[in-house]
């Protein structure tokens, strides 16, 4: 059985919350910070009427926000 990306990230947050998950230039993002950003973005999408499992097209530059989305 393969785990989803959400399950893998949740496991990493539980095990290594302060470890670096992303490094982009001078910006460093821990697993906990990444989890918090993902949750905030998911909440934003839900506030716009998107349901779990809905498909969304994204056009963003290569940056930490791309990973969050």
PDB file of N, CA and C in Angstrom:
ATOM      1  N   UNK A   1       0.841  -1.177   0.000  1.00  0.00           N
ATOM      2  CA  UNK A   1       0.000   0.000   0.000  1.00  0.00           C
ATOM      3  C   UNK A   1       0.888   1.242   0.000  1.00  0.00           C
ATOM      4  N   UNK A   2       0.629   2.180  -0.898  1.00  0.00           N
ATOM      5  CA  UNK A   2       1.425   3.398  -0.955  1.00  0.00           C
ATOM      6  C   UNK A   2       0.718   4.523  -0.205  1.00  0.00           C
ATOM      7  N   UNK A   3       1.489   5.321   0.480  1.00  0.00           N
ATOM      8  CA  UNK A   3       0.934   6.426   1.252  1.00  0.00           C
ATOM      9  C   UNK A   3       0.788   7.654   0.365  1.00  0.00           C
ATOM     10  N   UNK A   4      -0.210   8.469   0.660  1.00  0.00           N
ATOM     11  CA  UNK A   4      -0.390   9.709  -0.083  1.00  0.00           C
ATOM     12  C   UNK A   4       0.632  10.740   0.397  1.00  0.00           C
ATOM     13  N   UNK A   5       0.800  11.777  -0.355  1.00  0.00           N
ATOM     14  CA  UNK A   5       1.721  12.843   0.015  1.00  0.00           C
ATOM     15  C   UNK A   5       1.309  13.471   1.345  1.00  0.00           C
ATOM     16  N   UNK A   6       0.022  13.628   1.556  1.00  0.00           N
ATOM     17  CA  UNK A   6      -0.477  14.193   2.817  1.00  0.00           C
ATOM     18  C   UNK A   6      -0.068  13.305   3.989  1.00  0.00           C
ATOM     19  N   UNK A   7      -0.225  11.996   3.837  1.00  0.00           N
ATOM     20  CA  UNK A   7       0.153  11.085   4.926  1.00  0.00           C
ATOM     21  C   UNK A   7       1.663  11.109   5.179  1.00  0.00           C
ATOM     22  N   UNK A   8       2.442  11.189   4.125  1.00  0.00           N
ATOM     23  CA  UNK A   8       3.898  11.260   4.285  1.00  0.00           C
ATOM     24  C   UNK A   8       4.308  12.545   4.996  1.00  0.00           C
ATOM     25  N   UNK A   9       3.695  13.664   4.616  1.00  0.00           N
ATOM     26  CA  UNK A   9       4.010  14.932   5.255  1.00  0.00           C
ATOM     27  C   UNK A   9       3.573  14.919   6.716  1.00  0.00           C
ATOM     28  N   UNK A  10       2.386  14.409   6.997  1.00  0.00           N
ATOM     29  CA  UNK A  10       1.897  14.342   8.378  1.00  0.00           C
ATOM     30  C   UNK A  10       2.840  13.506   9.239  1.00  0.00           C
ATOM     31  N   UNK A  11       3.340  12.404   8.697  1.00  0.00           N
ATOM     32  CA  UNK A  11       4.279  11.558   9.435  1.00  0.00           C
ATOM     33  C   UNK A  11       5.585  12.312   9.694  1.00  0.00           C
ATOM     34  N   UNK A  12       6.069  13.043   8.703  1.00  0.00           N
ATOM     35  CA  UNK A  12       7.302  13.813   8.875  1.00  0.00           C
ATOM     36  C   UNK A  12       7.118  14.901   9.926  1.00  0.00           C
ATOM     37  N   UNK A  13       5.951  15.532   9.953  1.00  0.00           N
ATOM     38  CA  UNK A  13       5.673  16.565  10.958  1.00  0.00           C
ATOM     39  C   UNK A  13       5.698  15.952  12.355  1.00  0.00           C
ATOM     40  N   UNK A  14       5.114  14.802  12.505  1.00  0.00           N
ATOM     41  CA  UNK A  14       5.098  14.130  13.822  1.00  0.00           C
ATOM     42  C   UNK A  14       6.499  13.745  14.270  1.00  0.00           C
ATOM     43  N   UNK A  15       7.300  13.268  13.341  1.00  0.00           N
ATOM     44  CA  UNK A  15       8.621  12.750  13.697  1.00  0.00           C
ATOM     45  C   UNK A  15       9.705  13.825  13.739  1.00  0.00           C
ATOM     46  N   UNK A  16       9.638  14.790  12.833  1.00  0.00           N
ATOM     47  CA  UNK A  16      10.717  15.785  12.689  1.00  0.00           C
ATOM     48  C   UNK A  16      10.154  17.198  12.521  1.00  0.00           C
ATOM     49  N   UNK A  17       9.339  17.693  13.429  1.00  0.00           N
ATOM     50  CA  UNK A  17       8.658  18.970  13.204  1.00  0.00           C
ATOM     51  C   UNK A  17       9.589  20.159  12.967  1.00  0.00           C
ATOM     52  N   UNK A  18      10.767  20.140  13.552  1.00  0.00           N
ATOM     53  CA  UNK A  18      11.684  21.285  13.426  1.00  0.00           C
ATOM     54  C   UNK A  18      12.716  21.112  12.309  1.00  0.00           C
ATOM     55  N   UNK A  19      12.778  19.943  11.713  1.00  0.00           N
ATOM     56  CA  UNK A  19      13.737  19.710  10.627  1.00  0.00           C
ATOM     57  C   UNK A  19      13.330  20.482   9.381  1.00  0.00           C
ATOM     58  N   UNK A  20      14.318  20.795   8.547  1.00  0.00           N
ATOM     59  CA  UNK A  20      14.050  21.522   7.315  1.00  0.00           C
ATOM     60  C   UNK A  20      13.355  20.623   6.299  1.00  0.00           C
ATOM     61  N   UNK A  21      12.247  21.110   5.788  1.00  0.00           N
ATOM     62  CA  UNK A  21      11.521  20.408   4.738  1.00  0.00           C
ATOM     63  C   UNK A  21      11.837  21.030   3.384  1.00  0.00           C
ATOM     64  N   UNK A  22      12.045  22.348   3.377  1.00  0.00           N
ATOM     65  CA  UNK A  22      12.335  23.086   2.145  1.00  0.00           C
ATOM     66  C   UNK A  22      13.465  24.062   2.379  1.00  0.00           C
ATOM     67  N   UNK A  23      14.303  24.197   1.378  1.00  0.00           N
ATOM     68  CA  UNK A  23      15.330  25.231   1.371  1.00  0.00           C
ATOM     69  C   UNK A  23      15.253  25.887   0.007  1.00  0.00           C
ATOM     70  N   UNK A  24      15.023  27.194   0.007  1.00  0.00           N
ATOM     71  CA  UNK A  24      14.913  27.943  -1.239  1.00  0.00           C
ATOM     72  C   UNK A  24      15.665  29.248  -1.053  1.00  0.00           C
ATOM     73  N   UNK A  25      16.860  29.332  -1.619  1.00  0.00           N
ATOM     74  CA  UNK A  25      17.697  30.511  -1.388  1.00  0.00           C
ATOM     75  C   UNK A  25      18.021  30.620   0.087  1.00  0.00           C
ATOM     76  N   UNK A  26      17.692  31.756   0.665  1.00  0.00           N
ATOM     77  CA  UNK A  26      17.928  31.974   2.096  1.00  0.00           C
ATOM     78  C   UNK A  26      16.766  31.523   2.966  1.00  0.00           C
ATOM     79  N   UNK A  27      15.663  31.139   2.343  1.00  0.00           N
ATOM     80  CA  UNK A  27      14.478  30.735   3.105  1.00  0.00           C
ATOM     81  C   UNK A  27      14.557  29.262   3.485  1.00  0.00           C
ATOM     82  N   UNK A  28      14.264  29.004   4.754  1.00  0.00           N
ATOM     83  CA  UNK A  28      14.222  27.638   5.258  1.00  0.00           C
ATOM     84  C   UNK A  28      12.866  27.416   5.914  1.00  0.00           C
ATOM     85  N   UNK A  29      12.233  26.297   5.577  1.00  0.00           N
ATOM     86  CA  UNK A  29      10.890  26.001   6.068  1.00  0.00           C
ATOM     87  C   UNK A  29      10.922  24.632   6.741  1.00  0.00           C
ATOM     88  N   UNK A  30      10.496  24.580   7.996  1.00  0.00           N
ATOM     89  CA  UNK A  30      10.463  23.306   8.719  1.00  0.00           C
ATOM     90  C   UNK A  30       9.232  22.508   8.288  1.00  0.00           C
ATOM     91  N   UNK A  31       9.217  21.241   8.663  1.00  0.00           N
ATOM     92  CA  UNK A  31       8.053  20.414   8.358  1.00  0.00           C
ATOM     93  C   UNK A  31       6.801  20.983   9.016  1.00  0.00           C
ATOM     94  N   UNK A  32       6.927  21.480  10.246  1.00  0.00           N
ATOM     95  CA  UNK A  32       5.763  22.060  10.930  1.00  0.00           C
ATOM     96  C   UNK A  32       5.276  23.300  10.192  1.00  0.00           C
ATOM     97  N   UNK A  33       6.199  24.168   9.783  1.00  0.00           N
ATOM     98  CA  UNK A  33       5.803  25.371   9.045  1.00  0.00           C
ATOM     99  C   UNK A  33       5.148  25.003   7.717  1.00  0.00           C
ATOM    100  N   UNK A  34       5.691  24.011   7.043  1.00  0.00           N
ATOM    101  CA  UNK A  34       5.111  23.571   5.779  1.00  0.00           C
ATOM    102  C   UNK A  34       3.696  23.047   6.009  1.00  0.00           C
ATOM    103  N   UNK A  35       3.512  22.227   7.041  1.00  0.00           N
ATOM    104  CA  UNK A  35       2.189  21.685   7.371  1.00  0.00           C
ATOM    105  C   UNK A  35       1.193  22.818   7.638  1.00  0.00           C
ATOM    106  N   UNK A  36       1.644  23.828   8.391  1.00  0.00           N
ATOM    107  CA  UNK A  36       0.778  24.964   8.696  1.00  0.00           C
ATOM    108  C   UNK A  36       0.395  25.731   7.432  1.00  0.00           C
ATOM    109  N   UNK A  37       1.347  25.910   6.535  1.00  0.00           N
ATOM    110  CA  UNK A  37       1.069  26.619   5.267  1.00  0.00           C
ATOM    111  C   UNK A  37       0.112  25.816   4.388  1.00  0.00           C
ATOM    112  N   UNK A  38       0.317  24.509   4.339  1.00  0.00           N
ATOM    113  CA  UNK A  38      -0.566  23.651   3.546  1.00  0.00           C
ATOM    114  C   UNK A  38      -1.992  23.730   4.098  1.00  0.00           C
ATOM    115  N   UNK A  39      -2.118  23.672   5.416  1.00  0.00           N
ATOM    116  CA  UNK A  39      -3.438  23.769   6.039  1.00  0.00           C
ATOM    117  C   UNK A  39      -4.114  25.098   5.762  1.00  0.00           C
ATOM    118  N   UNK A  40      -3.352  26.179   5.816  1.00  0.00           N
ATOM    119  CA  UNK A  40      -3.905  27.503   5.538  1.00  0.00           C
ATOM    120  C   UNK A  40      -4.372  27.602   4.087  1.00  0.00           C
ATOM    121  N   UNK A  41      -3.575  27.060   3.165  1.00  0.00           N
ATOM    122  CA  UNK A  41      -3.958  27.104   1.754  1.00  0.00           C
ATOM    123  C   UNK A  41      -5.194  26.241   1.503  1.00  0.00           C
ATOM    124  N   UNK A  42      -5.256  25.091   2.132  1.00  0.00           N
ATOM    125  CA  UNK A  42      -6.428  24.226   1.996  1.00  0.00           C
ATOM    126  C   UNK A  42      -7.676  24.939   2.532  1.00  0.00           C
ATOM    127  N   UNK A  43      -7.529  25.640   3.645  1.00  0.00           N
ATOM    128  CA  UNK A  43      -8.640  26.403   4.199  1.00  0.00           C
ATOM    129  C   UNK A  43      -9.099  27.501   3.252  1.00  0.00           C
ATOM    130  N   UNK A  44      -8.135  28.158   2.614  1.00  0.00           N
ATOM    131  CA  UNK A  44      -8.473  29.193   1.630  1.00  0.00           C
ATOM    132  C   UNK A  44      -9.272  28.593   0.477  1.00  0.00           C
ATOM    133  N   UNK A  45      -8.811  27.449  -0.030  1.00  0.00           N
ATOM    134  CA  UNK A  45      -9.525  26.812  -1.144  1.00  0.00           C
ATOM    135  C   UNK A  45     -10.936  26.406  -0.726  1.00  0.00           C
ATOM    136  N   UNK A  46     -11.074  25.869   0.477  1.00  0.00           N
ATOM    137  CA  UNK A  46     -12.414  25.499   0.968  1.00  0.00           C
ATOM    138  C   UNK A  46     -13.308  26.732   1.093  1.00  0.00           C
ATOM    139  N   UNK A  47     -12.727  27.866   1.516  1.00  0.00           N
ATOM    140  CA  UNK A  47     -13.514  29.099   1.656  1.00  0.00           C
ATOM    141  C   UNK A  47     -13.998  29.608   0.306  1.00  0.00           C
ATOM    142  N   UNK A  48     -13.338  29.161  -0.752  1.00  0.00           N
ATOM    143  CA  UNK A  48     -13.738  29.534  -2.115  1.00  0.00           C
ATOM    144  C   UNK A  48     -14.693  28.517  -2.722  1.00  0.00           C
ATOM    145  N   UNK A  49     -15.093  27.523  -1.919  1.00  0.00           N
ATOM    146  CA  UNK A  49     -16.093  26.573  -2.373  1.00  0.00           C
ATOM    147  C   UNK A  49     -15.555  25.271  -2.943  1.00  0.00           C
ATOM    148  N   UNK A  50     -14.254  25.067  -2.898  1.00  0.00           N
ATOM    149  CA  UNK A  50     -13.697  23.821  -3.399  1.00  0.00           C
ATOM    150  C   UNK A  50     -13.832  22.720  -2.358  1.00  0.00           C
ATOM    151  N   UNK A  51     -14.199  21.555  -2.803  1.00  0.00           N
ATOM    152  CA  UNK A  51     -14.351  20.404  -1.915  1.00  0.00           C
ATOM    153  C   UNK A  51     -13.097  19.539  -1.984  1.00  0.00           C
ATOM    154  N   UNK A  52     -12.927  18.693  -1.003  1.00  0.00           N
ATOM    155  CA  UNK A  52     -11.818  17.747  -0.995  1.00  0.00           C
ATOM    156  C   UNK A  52     -11.874  16.902  -2.262  1.00  0.00           C
ATOM    157  N   UNK A  53     -10.754  16.764  -2.931  1.00  0.00           N
ATOM    158  CA  UNK A  53     -10.685  15.975  -4.153  1.00  0.00           C
ATOM    159  C   UNK A  53     -10.909  16.780  -5.421  1.00  0.00           C
ATOM    160  N   UNK A  54     -11.292  18.058  -5.276  1.00  0.00           N
ATOM    161  CA  UNK A  54     -11.500  18.908  -6.456  1.00  0.00           C
ATOM    162  C   UNK A  54     -10.159  19.159  -7.146  1.00  0.00           C
ATOM    163  N   UNK A  55     -10.193  19.280  -8.442  1.00  0.00           N
ATOM    164  CA  UNK A  55      -8.969  19.557  -9.198  1.00  0.00           C
ATOM    165  C   UNK A  55      -8.812  21.054  -9.376  1.00  0.00           C
ATOM    166  N   UNK A  56      -7.572  21.505  -9.228  1.00  0.00           N
ATOM    167  CA  UNK A  56      -7.265  22.925  -9.317  1.00  0.00           C
ATOM    168  C   UNK A  56      -6.032  23.087 -10.193  1.00  0.00           C
ATOM    169  N   UNK A  57      -6.092  23.989 -11.148  1.00  0.00           N
ATOM    170  CA  UNK A  57      -4.925  24.297 -11.978  1.00  0.00           C
ATOM    171  C   UNK A  57      -4.148  25.429 -11.317  1.00  0.00           C
ATOM    172  N   UNK A  58      -2.834  25.295 -11.276  1.00  0.00           N
ATOM    173  CA  UNK A  58      -1.981  26.304 -10.656  1.00  0.00           C
ATOM    174  C   UNK A  58      -0.935  26.780 -11.643  1.00  0.00           C
ATOM    175  N   UNK A  59      -0.688  28.067 -11.627  1.00  0.00           N
ATOM    176  CA  UNK A  59       0.404  28.641 -12.404  1.00  0.00           C
ATOM    177  C   UNK A  59       1.196  29.504 -11.425  1.00  0.00           C
ATOM    178  N   UNK A  60       2.326  28.985 -10.980  1.00  0.00           N
ATOM    179  CA  UNK A  60       3.170  29.703 -10.028  1.00  0.00           C
ATOM    180  C   UNK A  60       4.625  29.509 -10.405  1.00  0.00           C
ATOM    181  N   UNK A  61       5.443  30.435  -9.942  1.00  0.00           N
ATOM    182  CA  UNK A  61       6.877  30.329 -10.165  1.00  0.00           C
ATOM    183  C   UNK A  61       7.465  29.252  -9.258  1.00  0.00           C
ATOM    184  N   UNK A  62       8.688  28.856  -9.544  1.00  0.00           N
ATOM    185  CA  UNK A  62       9.392  27.889  -8.702  1.00  0.00           C
ATOM    186  C   UNK A  62       9.747  28.588  -7.387  1.00  0.00           C
ATOM    187  N   UNK A  63       8.993  28.256  -6.332  1.00  0.00           N
ATOM    188  CA  UNK A  63       9.166  28.882  -5.038  1.00  0.00           C
ATOM    189  C   UNK A  63       8.537  27.991  -3.972  1.00  0.00           C
ATOM    190  N   UNK A  64       8.758  28.278  -2.686  1.00  0.00           N
ATOM    191  CA  UNK A  64       8.164  27.442  -1.640  1.00  0.00           C
ATOM    192  C   UNK A  64       6.642  27.353  -1.719  1.00  0.00           C
ATOM    193  N   UNK A  65       5.990  28.414  -2.181  1.00  0.00           N
ATOM    194  CA  UNK A  65       4.543  28.392  -2.278  1.00  0.00           C
ATOM    195  C   UNK A  65       4.064  27.345  -3.266  1.00  0.00           C
ATOM    196  N   UNK A  66       4.873  27.014  -4.254  1.00  0.00           N
ATOM    197  CA  UNK A  66       4.528  25.962  -5.225  1.00  0.00           C
ATOM    198  C   UNK A  66       4.359  24.636  -4.502  1.00  0.00           C
ATOM    199  N   UNK A  67       5.236  24.340  -3.585  1.00  0.00           N
ATOM    200  CA  UNK A  67       5.166  23.090  -2.831  1.00  0.00           C
ATOM    201  C   UNK A  67       3.928  23.083  -1.945  1.00  0.00           C
ATOM    202  N   UNK A  68       3.622  24.217  -1.357  1.00  0.00           N
ATOM    203  CA  UNK A  68       2.439  24.329  -0.496  1.00  0.00           C
ATOM    204  C   UNK A  68       1.186  24.047  -1.291  1.00  0.00           C
ATOM    205  N   UNK A  69       1.122  24.595  -2.489  1.00  0.00           N
ATOM    206  CA  UNK A  69      -0.070  24.422  -3.338  1.00  0.00           C
ATOM    207  C   UNK A  69      -0.151  22.999  -3.814  1.00  0.00           C
TER     208      UNK A  69
END
